[in-house]
All heavy atoms as atom14 arrays in JSON, in Angstrom:
{
  "sequence": "FSGPVGSGKSQALCQEAIRLSYVNAGRWGLLGAPTYPMLREATQ",
  "atom14_mask": [
    [1, 1, 1, 1, 1, 1, 1, 1, 1, 1, 1, 0, 0, 0],
    [1, 1, 1, 1, 1, 1, 0, 0, 0, 0, 0, 0, 0, 0],
    [1, 1, 1, 1, 0, 0, 0, 0, 0, 0, 0, 0, 0, 0],
    [1, 1, 1, 1, 1, 1, 1, 0, 0, 0, 0, 0, 0, 0],
    [1, 1, 1, 1, 1, 1, 1, 0, 0, 0, 0, 0, 0, 0],
    [1, 1, 1, 1, 0, 0, 0, 0, 0, 0, 0, 0, 0, 0],
    [1, 1, 1, 1, 1, 1, 0, 0, 0, 0, 0, 0, 0, 0],
    [1, 1, 1, 1, 0, 0, 0, 0, 0, 0, 0, 0, 0, 0],
    [1, 1, 1, 1, 1, 1, 1, 1, 1, 0, 0, 0, 0, 0],
    [1, 1, 1, 1, 1, 1, 0, 0, 0, 0, 0, 0, 0, 0],
    [1, 1, 1, 1, 1, 1, 1, 1, 1, 0, 0, 0, 0, 0],
    [1, 1, 1, 1, 1, 0, 0, 0, 0, 0, 0, 0, 0, 0],
    [1, 1, 1, 1, 1, 1, 1, 1, 0, 0, 0, 0, 0, 0],
    [1, 1, 1, 1, 1, 1, 0, 0, 0, 0, 0, 0, 0, 0],
    [1, 1, 1, 1, 1, 1, 1, 1, 1, 0, 0, 0, 0, 0],
    [1, 1, 1, 1, 1, 1, 1, 1, 1, 0, 0, 0, 0, 0],
    [1, 1, 1, 1, 1, 0, 0, 0, 0, 0, 0, 0, 0, 0],
    [1, 1, 1, 1, 1, 1, 1, 1, 0, 0, 0, 0, 0, 0],
    [1, 1, 1, 1, 1, 1, 1, 1, 1, 1, 1, 0, 0, 0],
    [1, 1, 1, 1, 1, 1, 1, 1, 0, 0, 0, 0, 0, 0],
    [1, 1, 1, 1, 1, 1, 0, 0, 0, 0, 0, 0, 0, 0],
    [1, 1, 1, 1, 1, 1, 1, 1, 1, 1, 1, 1, 0, 0],
    [1, 1, 1, 1, 1, 1, 1, 0, 0, 0, 0, 0, 0, 0],
    [1, 1, 1, 1, 1, 1, 1, 1, 0, 0, 0, 0, 0, 0],
    [1, 1, 1, 1, 1, 0, 0, 0, 0, 0, 0, 0, 0, 0],
    [1, 1, 1, 1, 0, 0, 0, 0, 0, 0, 0, 0, 0, 0],
    [1, 1, 1, 1, 1, 1, 1, 1, 1, 1, 1, 0, 0, 0],
    [1, 1, 1, 1, 1, 1, 1, 1, 1, 1, 1, 1, 1, 1],
    [1, 1, 1, 1, 0, 0, 0, 0, 0, 0, 0, 0, 0, 0],
    [1, 1, 1, 1, 1, 1, 1, 1, 0, 0, 0, 0, 0, 0],
    [1, 1, 1, 1, 1, 1, 1, 1, 0, 0, 0, 0, 0, 0],
    [1, 1, 1, 1, 0, 0, 0, 0, 0, 0, 0, 0, 0, 0],
    [1, 1, 1, 1, 1, 0, 0, 0, 0, 0, 0, 0, 0, 0],
    [1, 1, 1, 1, 1, 1, 1, 0, 0, 0, 0, 0, 0, 0],
    [1, 1, 1, 1, 1, 1, 1, 0, 0, 0, 0, 0, 0, 0],
    [1, 1, 1, 1, 1, 1, 1, 1, 1, 1, 1, 1, 0, 0],
    [1, 1, 1, 1, 1, 1, 1, 0, 0, 0, 0, 0, 0, 0],
    [1, 1, 1, 1, 1, 1, 1, 1, 0, 0, 0, 0, 0, 0],
    [1, 1, 1, 1, 1, 1, 1, 1, 0, 0, 0, 0, 0, 0],
    [1, 1, 1, 1, 1, 1, 1, 1, 1, 1, 1, 0, 0, 0],
    [1, 1, 1, 1, 1, 1, 1, 1, 1, 0, 0, 0, 0, 0],
    [1, 1, 1, 1, 1, 0, 0, 0, 0, 0, 0, 0, 0, 0],
    [1, 1, 1, 1, 1, 1, 1, 0, 0, 0, 0, 0, 0, 0],
    [1, 1, 1, 1, 1, 1, 1, 1, 1, 0, 0, 0, 0, 0]
  ],
  "atom14_positions": [
    [[-9.09, -1.09, 16.52], [-9.46, -2.29, 15.76], [-8.94, -3.47, 16.55], [-7.74, -3.72, 16.61], [-8.83, -2.23, 14.37], [-9.22, -3.35, 13.44], [-10.24, -3.18, 12.51], [-8.57, -4.57, 13.47], [-10.59, -4.2, 11.64], [-8.91, -5.59, 12.61], [-9.93, -5.41, 11.7], [0.0, 0.0, 0.0], [0.0, 0.0, 0.0], [0.0, 0.0, 0.0]],
    [[-9.85, -4.18, 17.23], [-9.48, -5.33, 18.05], [-9.87, -6.6, 17.33], [-11.03, -6.77, 16.94], [-10.21, -5.26, 19.4], [-10.06, -6.45, 20.13], [0.0, 0.0, 0.0], [0.0, 0.0, 0.0], [0.0, 0.0, 0.0], [0.0, 0.0, 0.0], [0.0, 0.0, 0.0], [0.0, 0.0, 0.0], [0.0, 0.0, 0.0], [0.0, 0.0, 0.0]],
    [[-8.9, -7.5, 17.14], [-9.23, -8.7, 16.41], [-8.25, -9.82, 16.65], [-7.14, -9.61, 17.15], [0.0, 0.0, 0.0], [0.0, 0.0, 0.0], [0.0, 0.0, 0.0], [0.0, 0.0, 0.0], [0.0, 0.0, 0.0], [0.0, 0.0, 0.0], [0.0, 0.0, 0.0], [0.0, 0.0, 0.0], [0.0, 0.0, 0.0], [0.0, 0.0, 0.0]],
    [[-8.65, -11.04, 16.3], [-7.77, -12.19, 16.46], [-6.66, -12.19, 15.44], [-6.63, -11.35, 14.53], [-8.73, -13.37, 16.25], [-9.82, -12.83, 15.38], [-9.98, -11.4, 15.78], [0.0, 0.0, 0.0], [0.0, 0.0, 0.0], [0.0, 0.0, 0.0], [0.0, 0.0, 0.0], [0.0, 0.0, 0.0], [0.0, 0.0, 0.0], [0.0, 0.0, 0.0]],
    [[-5.74, -13.13, 15.57], [-4.67, -13.23, 14.59], [-5.28, -13.5, 13.22], [-6.31, -14.18, 13.09], [-3.68, -14.37, 14.96], [-2.94, -14.05, 16.22], [-4.4, -15.71, 15.08], [0.0, 0.0, 0.0], [0.0, 0.0, 0.0], [0.0, 0.0, 0.0], [0.0, 0.0, 0.0], [0.0, 0.0, 0.0], [0.0, 0.0, 0.0], [0.0, 0.0, 0.0]],
    [[-4.66, -12.92, 12.19], [-5.15, -13.15, 10.84], [-6.37, -12.34, 10.45], [-7.0, -12.62, 9.43], [0.0, 0.0, 0.0], [0.0, 0.0, 0.0], [0.0, 0.0, 0.0], [0.0, 0.0, 0.0], [0.0, 0.0, 0.0], [0.0, 0.0, 0.0], [0.0, 0.0, 0.0], [0.0, 0.0, 0.0], [0.0, 0.0, 0.0], [0.0, 0.0, 0.0]],
    [[-6.73, -11.32, 11.24], [-7.94, -10.55, 10.92], [-7.65, -9.28, 10.13], [-8.56, -8.49, 9.88], [-8.69, -10.18, 12.22], [-7.86, -9.47, 13.11], [0.0, 0.0, 0.0], [0.0, 0.0, 0.0], [0.0, 0.0, 0.0], [0.0, 0.0, 0.0], [0.0, 0.0, 0.0], [0.0, 0.0, 0.0], [0.0, 0.0, 0.0], [0.0, 0.0, 0.0]],
    [[-6.39, -9.08, 9.73], [-6.07, -7.94, 8.87], [-5.82, -6.65, 9.6], [-6.06, -5.56, 9.08], [0.0, 0.0, 0.0], [0.0, 0.0, 0.0], [0.0, 0.0, 0.0], [0.0, 0.0, 0.0], [0.0, 0.0, 0.0], [0.0, 0.0, 0.0], [0.0, 0.0, 0.0], [0.0, 0.0, 0.0], [0.0, 0.0, 0.0], [0.0, 0.0, 0.0]],
    [[-5.3, -6.74, 10.83], [-5.1, -5.53, 11.63], [-4.01, -4.63, 11.06], [-4.2, -3.41, 10.97], [-4.77, -5.93, 13.08], [-5.88, -6.69, 13.78], [-5.56, -6.98, 15.23], [-4.4, -7.93, 15.37], [-4.69, -9.28, 14.83], [0.0, 0.0, 0.0], [0.0, 0.0, 0.0], [0.0, 0.0, 0.0], [0.0, 0.0, 0.0], [0.0, 0.0, 0.0]],
    [[-2.86, -5.18, 10.69], [-1.77, -4.33, 10.18], [-2.13, -3.71, 8.84], [-1.75, -2.57, 8.55], [-0.48, -5.15, 10.05], [0.17, -5.24, 11.29], [0.0, 0.0, 0.0], [0.0, 0.0, 0.0], [0.0, 0.0, 0.0], [0.0, 0.0, 0.0], [0.0, 0.0, 0.0], [0.0, 0.0, 0.0], [0.0, 0.0, 0.0], [0.0, 0.0, 0.0]],
    [[-2.87, -4.46, 8.01], [-3.32, -3.89, 6.74], [-4.24, -2.7, 6.99], [-4.09, -1.64, 6.37], [-4.04, -4.96, 5.93], [-4.52, -4.52, 4.57], [-3.43, -4.43, 3.53], [-3.6, -3.8, 2.49], [-2.28, -5.05, 3.8], [0.0, 0.0, 0.0], [0.0, 0.0, 0.0], [0.0, 0.0, 0.0], [0.0, 0.0, 0.0], [0.0, 0.0, 0.0]],
    [[-5.19, -2.85, 7.93], [-6.1, -1.76, 8.26], [-5.33, -0.56, 8.81], [-5.61, 0.59, 8.46], [-7.14, -2.24, 9.27], [0.0, 0.0, 0.0], [0.0, 0.0, 0.0], [0.0, 0.0, 0.0], [0.0, 0.0, 0.0], [0.0, 0.0, 0.0], [0.0, 0.0, 0.0], [0.0, 0.0, 0.0], [0.0, 0.0, 0.0], [0.0, 0.0, 0.0]],
    [[-4.36, -0.82, 9.67], [-3.56, 0.26, 10.25], [-2.86, 1.07, 9.17], [-2.92, 2.3, 9.14], [-2.52, -0.34, 11.21], [-1.6, 0.66, 11.89], [-2.23, 1.16, 13.19], [-0.24, 0.03, 12.2], [0.0, 0.0, 0.0], [0.0, 0.0, 0.0], [0.0, 0.0, 0.0], [0.0, 0.0, 0.0], [0.0, 0.0, 0.0], [0.0, 0.0, 0.0]],
    [[-2.17, 0.37, 8.26], [-1.37, 1.07, 7.25], [-2.25, 1.74, 6.19], [-1.92, 2.83, 5.7], [-0.39, 0.1, 6.6], [0.89, -0.46, 7.74], [0.0, 0.0, 0.0], [0.0, 0.0, 0.0], [0.0, 0.0, 0.0], [0.0, 0.0, 0.0], [0.0, 0.0, 0.0], [0.0, 0.0, 0.0], [0.0, 0.0, 0.0], [0.0, 0.0, 0.0]],
    [[-3.38, 1.12, 5.83], [-4.29, 1.76, 4.89], [-4.86, 3.05, 5.49], [-5.0, 4.06, 4.79], [-5.42, 0.79, 4.52], [-5.01, -0.41, 3.7], [-4.74, -0.08, 2.24], [-4.92, 1.06, 1.79], [-4.31, -1.08, 1.48], [0.0, 0.0, 0.0], [0.0, 0.0, 0.0], [0.0, 0.0, 0.0], [0.0, 0.0, 0.0], [0.0, 0.0, 0.0]],
    [[-5.17, 3.02, 6.78], [-5.69, 4.22, 7.43], [-4.61, 5.31, 7.49], [-4.9, 6.5, 7.31], [-6.18, 3.88, 8.84], [-6.87, 5.02, 9.57], [-8.24, 5.36, 8.99], [-8.74, 4.62, 8.12], [-8.8, 6.4, 9.41], [0.0, 0.0, 0.0], [0.0, 0.0, 0.0], [0.0, 0.0, 0.0], [0.0, 0.0, 0.0], [0.0, 0.0, 0.0]],
    [[-3.37, 4.9, 7.73], [-2.26, 5.88, 7.77], [-2.09, 6.55, 6.41], [-1.91, 7.78, 6.33], [-0.97, 5.18, 8.18], [0.0, 0.0, 0.0], [0.0, 0.0, 0.0], [0.0, 0.0, 0.0], [0.0, 0.0, 0.0], [0.0, 0.0, 0.0], [0.0, 0.0, 0.0], [0.0, 0.0, 0.0], [0.0, 0.0, 0.0], [0.0, 0.0, 0.0]],
    [[-2.14, 5.78, 5.34], [-2.0, 6.35, 3.99], [-3.15, 7.31, 3.71], [-2.95, 8.42, 3.2], [-1.94, 5.23, 2.94], [-0.64, 4.43, 3.1], [-2.03, 5.81, 1.53], [-0.58, 3.16, 2.27], [0.0, 0.0, 0.0], [0.0, 0.0, 0.0], [0.0, 0.0, 0.0], [0.0, 0.0, 0.0], [0.0, 0.0, 0.0], [0.0, 0.0, 0.0]],
    [[-4.37, 6.88, 4.05], [-5.54, 7.73, 3.8], [-5.42, 9.07, 4.52], [-5.65, 10.13, 3.93], [-6.81, 6.99, 4.25], [-8.11, 7.69, 3.85], [-9.31, 6.9, 4.33], [-9.49, 7.0, 5.77], [-10.14, 8.0, 6.37], [-10.67, 8.97, 5.65], [-10.27, 8.02, 7.68], [0.0, 0.0, 0.0], [0.0, 0.0, 0.0], [0.0, 0.0, 0.0]],
    [[-5.03, 9.02, 5.79], [-4.93, 10.26, 6.55], [-3.77, 11.13, 6.1], [-3.8, 12.36, 6.26], [-4.81, 9.94, 8.04], [-6.11, 9.45, 8.69], [-5.87, 8.99, 10.12], [-7.19, 10.53, 8.65], [0.0, 0.0, 0.0], [0.0, 0.0, 0.0], [0.0, 0.0, 0.0], [0.0, 0.0, 0.0], [0.0, 0.0, 0.0], [0.0, 0.0, 0.0]],
    [[-2.73, 10.53, 5.52], [-1.63, 11.34, 5.0], [-2.07, 12.12, 3.76], [-1.5, 13.18, 3.46], [-0.42, 10.45, 4.67], [-0.65, 9.68, 3.51], [0.0, 0.0, 0.0], [0.0, 0.0, 0.0], [0.0, 0.0, 0.0], [0.0, 0.0, 0.0], [0.0, 0.0, 0.0], [0.0, 0.0, 0.0], [0.0, 0.0, 0.0], [0.0, 0.0, 0.0]],
    [[-3.08, 11.61, 3.04], [-3.64, 12.35, 1.9], [-4.67, 13.38, 2.37], [-4.71, 14.5, 1.87], [-4.26, 11.38, 0.89], [-3.26, 10.82, -0.08], [-2.44, 9.76, 0.27], [-3.11, 11.37, -1.36], [-1.5, 9.25, -0.6], [-2.17, 10.87, -2.25], [-1.37, 9.81, -1.87], [-0.42, 9.31, -2.74], [0.0, 0.0, 0.0], [0.0, 0.0, 0.0]],
    [[-5.5, 12.99, 3.32], [-6.5, 13.93, 3.85], [-5.81, 15.13, 4.47], [-6.24, 16.28, 4.29], [-7.38, 13.23, 4.9], [-8.25, 14.24, 5.65], [-8.27, 12.18, 4.23], [0.0, 0.0, 0.0], [0.0, 0.0, 0.0], [0.0, 0.0, 0.0], [0.0, 0.0, 0.0], [0.0, 0.0, 0.0], [0.0, 0.0, 0.0], [0.0, 0.0, 0.0]],
    [[-4.71, 14.88, 5.18], [-3.96, 15.95, 5.85], [-2.69, 16.27, 5.07], [-1.57, 16.07, 5.54], [-3.61, 15.52, 7.28], [-4.82, 15.34, 8.16], [-5.54, 16.29, 8.44], [-5.09, 14.1, 8.57], [0.0, 0.0, 0.0], [0.0, 0.0, 0.0], [0.0, 0.0, 0.0], [0.0, 0.0, 0.0], [0.0, 0.0, 0.0], [0.0, 0.0, 0.0]],
    [[-2.89, 16.74, 3.86], [-1.76, 17.01, 2.97], [-0.79, 18.0, 3.61], [-1.19, 19.02, 4.18], [-2.25, 17.56, 1.64], [0.0, 0.0, 0.0], [0.0, 0.0, 0.0], [0.0, 0.0, 0.0], [0.0, 0.0, 0.0], [0.0, 0.0, 0.0], [0.0, 0.0, 0.0], [0.0, 0.0, 0.0], [0.0, 0.0, 0.0], [0.0, 0.0, 0.0]],
    [[0.5, 17.66, 3.56], [1.53, 18.55, 4.06], [1.73, 18.5, 5.56], [2.61, 19.18, 6.09], [0.0, 0.0, 0.0], [0.0, 0.0, 0.0], [0.0, 0.0, 0.0], [0.0, 0.0, 0.0], [0.0, 0.0, 0.0], [0.0, 0.0, 0.0], [0.0, 0.0, 0.0], [0.0, 0.0, 0.0], [0.0, 0.0, 0.0], [0.0, 0.0, 0.0]],
    [[0.95, 17.68, 6.28], [1.04, 17.64, 7.73], [1.82, 16.4, 8.19], [2.18, 15.54, 7.41], [-0.35, 17.64, 8.38], [-1.32, 18.66, 7.83], [-0.73, 20.04, 7.59], [-0.21, 20.64, 8.82], [0.6, 21.7, 8.83], [1.01, 22.24, 7.68], [1.01, 22.18, 9.98], [0.0, 0.0, 0.0], [0.0, 0.0, 0.0], [0.0, 0.0, 0.0]],
    [[2.04, 16.31, 9.5], [2.82, 15.23, 10.09], [1.92, 14.18, 10.73], [0.95, 14.52, 11.41], [3.76, 15.77, 11.17], [4.88, 16.62, 10.66], [4.8, 17.9, 10.2], [6.25, 16.25, 10.55], [6.04, 18.37, 9.82], [6.96, 17.36, 10.03], [6.96, 15.1, 10.85], [8.32, 17.35, 9.8], [8.33, 15.08, 10.63], [8.99, 16.18, 10.11]],
    [[2.28, 12.92, 10.54], [1.63, 11.81, 11.24], [2.69, 10.88, 11.81], [3.89, 11.02, 11.49], [0.0, 0.0, 0.0], [0.0, 0.0, 0.0], [0.0, 0.0, 0.0], [0.0, 0.0, 0.0], [0.0, 0.0, 0.0], [0.0, 0.0, 0.0], [0.0, 0.0, 0.0], [0.0, 0.0, 0.0], [0.0, 0.0, 0.0], [0.0, 0.0, 0.0]],
    [[2.29, 9.92, 12.64], [3.24, 9.01, 13.27], [2.7, 7.59, 13.24], [1.52, 7.36, 13.54], [3.52, 9.44, 14.71], [4.5, 8.61, 15.53], [5.28, 9.5, 16.51], [3.78, 7.49, 16.33], [0.0, 0.0, 0.0], [0.0, 0.0, 0.0], [0.0, 0.0, 0.0], [0.0, 0.0, 0.0], [0.0, 0.0, 0.0], [0.0, 0.0, 0.0]],
    [[3.56, 6.64, 12.88], [3.25, 5.22, 12.99], [4.19, 4.61, 14.03], [5.41, 4.8, 13.96], [3.45, 4.5, 11.65], [2.23, 4.41, 10.72], [2.63, 3.7, 9.43], [1.07, 3.69, 11.39], [0.0, 0.0, 0.0], [0.0, 0.0, 0.0], [0.0, 0.0, 0.0], [0.0, 0.0, 0.0], [0.0, 0.0, 0.0], [0.0, 0.0, 0.0]],
    [[3.62, 3.87, 14.98], [4.45, 3.3, 16.05], [4.13, 1.85, 16.31], [3.06, 1.35, 15.95], [0.0, 0.0, 0.0], [0.0, 0.0, 0.0], [0.0, 0.0, 0.0], [0.0, 0.0, 0.0], [0.0, 0.0, 0.0], [0.0, 0.0, 0.0], [0.0, 0.0, 0.0], [0.0, 0.0, 0.0], [0.0, 0.0, 0.0], [0.0, 0.0, 0.0]],
    [[5.08, 1.17, 16.95], [4.92, -0.22, 17.38], [5.66, -0.38, 18.7], [6.51, 0.44, 19.05], [5.47, -1.18, 16.32], [0.0, 0.0, 0.0], [0.0, 0.0, 0.0], [0.0, 0.0, 0.0], [0.0, 0.0, 0.0], [0.0, 0.0, 0.0], [0.0, 0.0, 0.0], [0.0, 0.0, 0.0], [0.0, 0.0, 0.0], [0.0, 0.0, 0.0]],
    [[5.36, -1.43, 19.46], [5.94, -1.57, 20.81], [7.46, -1.54, 20.85], [8.05, -0.97, 21.77], [5.41, -2.93, 21.28], [4.12, -3.08, 20.55], [4.35, -2.47, 19.21], [0.0, 0.0, 0.0], [0.0, 0.0, 0.0], [0.0, 0.0, 0.0], [0.0, 0.0, 0.0], [0.0, 0.0, 0.0], [0.0, 0.0, 0.0], [0.0, 0.0, 0.0]],
    [[8.13, -2.16, 19.88], [9.6, -2.19, 19.85], [10.08, -1.89, 18.44], [9.31, -1.99, 17.47], [10.15, -3.57, 20.27], [9.74, -4.55, 19.3], [9.63, -3.96, 21.65], [0.0, 0.0, 0.0], [0.0, 0.0, 0.0], [0.0, 0.0, 0.0], [0.0, 0.0, 0.0], [0.0, 0.0, 0.0], [0.0, 0.0, 0.0], [0.0, 0.0, 0.0]],
    [[11.36, -1.55, 18.32], [11.88, -1.26, 16.98], [11.84, -2.46, 16.05], [11.46, -2.33, 14.88], [13.32, -0.71, 17.07], [13.86, -0.39, 15.7], [13.39, 0.7, 14.97], [14.83, -1.21, 15.11], [13.86, 0.97, 13.7], [15.31, -0.95, 13.84], [14.82, 0.15, 13.14], [15.28, 0.41, 11.87], [0.0, 0.0, 0.0], [0.0, 0.0, 0.0]],
    [[12.21, -3.69, 16.51], [12.09, -4.85, 15.6], [10.66, -5.05, 15.1], [10.45, -5.35, 13.92], [12.56, -6.02, 16.46], [13.51, -5.41, 17.44], [12.91, -4.07, 17.76], [0.0, 0.0, 0.0], [0.0, 0.0, 0.0], [0.0, 0.0, 0.0], [0.0, 0.0, 0.0], [0.0, 0.0, 0.0], [0.0, 0.0, 0.0], [0.0, 0.0, 0.0]],
    [[9.65, -4.9, 15.96], [8.27, -5.05, 15.52], [7.89, -3.94, 14.54], [7.18, -4.18, 13.56], [7.34, -5.05, 16.73], [7.47, -6.29, 17.61], [6.52, -6.18, 19.15], [4.85, -6.24, 18.52], [0.0, 0.0, 0.0], [0.0, 0.0, 0.0], [0.0, 0.0, 0.0], [0.0, 0.0, 0.0], [0.0, 0.0, 0.0], [0.0, 0.0, 0.0]],
    [[8.38, -2.74, 14.78], [8.12, -1.62, 13.88], [8.69, -1.89, 12.5], [8.03, -1.73, 11.47], [8.73, -0.34, 14.47], [8.61, 0.93, 13.62], [7.16, 1.39, 13.54], [9.49, 2.04, 14.22], [0.0, 0.0, 0.0], [0.0, 0.0, 0.0], [0.0, 0.0, 0.0], [0.0, 0.0, 0.0], [0.0, 0.0, 0.0], [0.0, 0.0, 0.0]],
    [[9.94, -2.36, 12.47], [10.64, -2.59, 11.2], [10.07, -3.8, 10.46], [9.8, -3.73, 9.25], [12.13, -2.81, 11.47], [12.97, -3.07, 10.22], [14.38, -3.47, 10.57], [14.42, -4.73, 11.3], [14.97, -4.88, 12.5], [15.51, -3.85, 13.12], [14.97, -6.07, 13.1], [0.0, 0.0, 0.0], [0.0, 0.0, 0.0], [0.0, 0.0, 0.0]],
    [[9.87, -4.91, 11.18], [9.55, -6.18, 10.53], [8.08, -6.35, 10.2], [7.73, -7.11, 9.3], [10.02, -7.34, 11.41], [11.53, -7.37, 11.59], [11.97, -8.25, 12.75], [11.12, -9.02, 13.25], [13.14, -8.15, 13.16], [0.0, 0.0, 0.0], [0.0, 0.0, 0.0], [0.0, 0.0, 0.0], [0.0, 0.0, 0.0], [0.0, 0.0, 0.0]],
    [[7.2, -5.67, 10.92], [5.76, -5.83, 10.69], [5.14, -4.55, 10.14], [4.66, -4.52, 9.0], [5.05, -6.26, 11.97], [0.0, 0.0, 0.0], [0.0, 0.0, 0.0], [0.0, 0.0, 0.0], [0.0, 0.0, 0.0], [0.0, 0.0, 0.0], [0.0, 0.0, 0.0], [0.0, 0.0, 0.0], [0.0, 0.0, 0.0], [0.0, 0.0, 0.0]],
    [[5.17, -3.48, 10.92], [4.45, -2.26, 10.54], [5.03, -1.62, 9.29], [4.32, -1.38, 8.3], [4.47, -1.25, 11.71], [4.22, -1.94, 12.94], [3.44, -0.17, 11.49], [0.0, 0.0, 0.0], [0.0, 0.0, 0.0], [0.0, 0.0, 0.0], [0.0, 0.0, 0.0], [0.0, 0.0, 0.0], [0.0, 0.0, 0.0], [0.0, 0.0, 0.0]],
    [[6.33, -1.34, 9.31], [6.94, -0.68, 8.16], [6.9, -1.56, 6.92], [6.63, -1.08, 5.82], [8.38, -0.3, 8.48], [8.51, 0.92, 9.38], [9.96, 1.3, 9.6], [10.72, 0.56, 10.2], [10.35, 2.46, 9.11], [0.0, 0.0, 0.0], [0.0, 0.0, 0.0], [0.0, 0.0, 0.0], [0.0, 0.0, 0.0], [0.0, 0.0, 0.0]]
  ]
}
């Protein structure tokens, strides 16, 4: 998903992660970001 600032990229990322965690019940998935501060402050 390539888009300019304010285009809802992080929302799309996290909604897709939640959806796949239900589709793949009981399995493992991973969410990542370039650095730990970005992971904590934006993605998580």
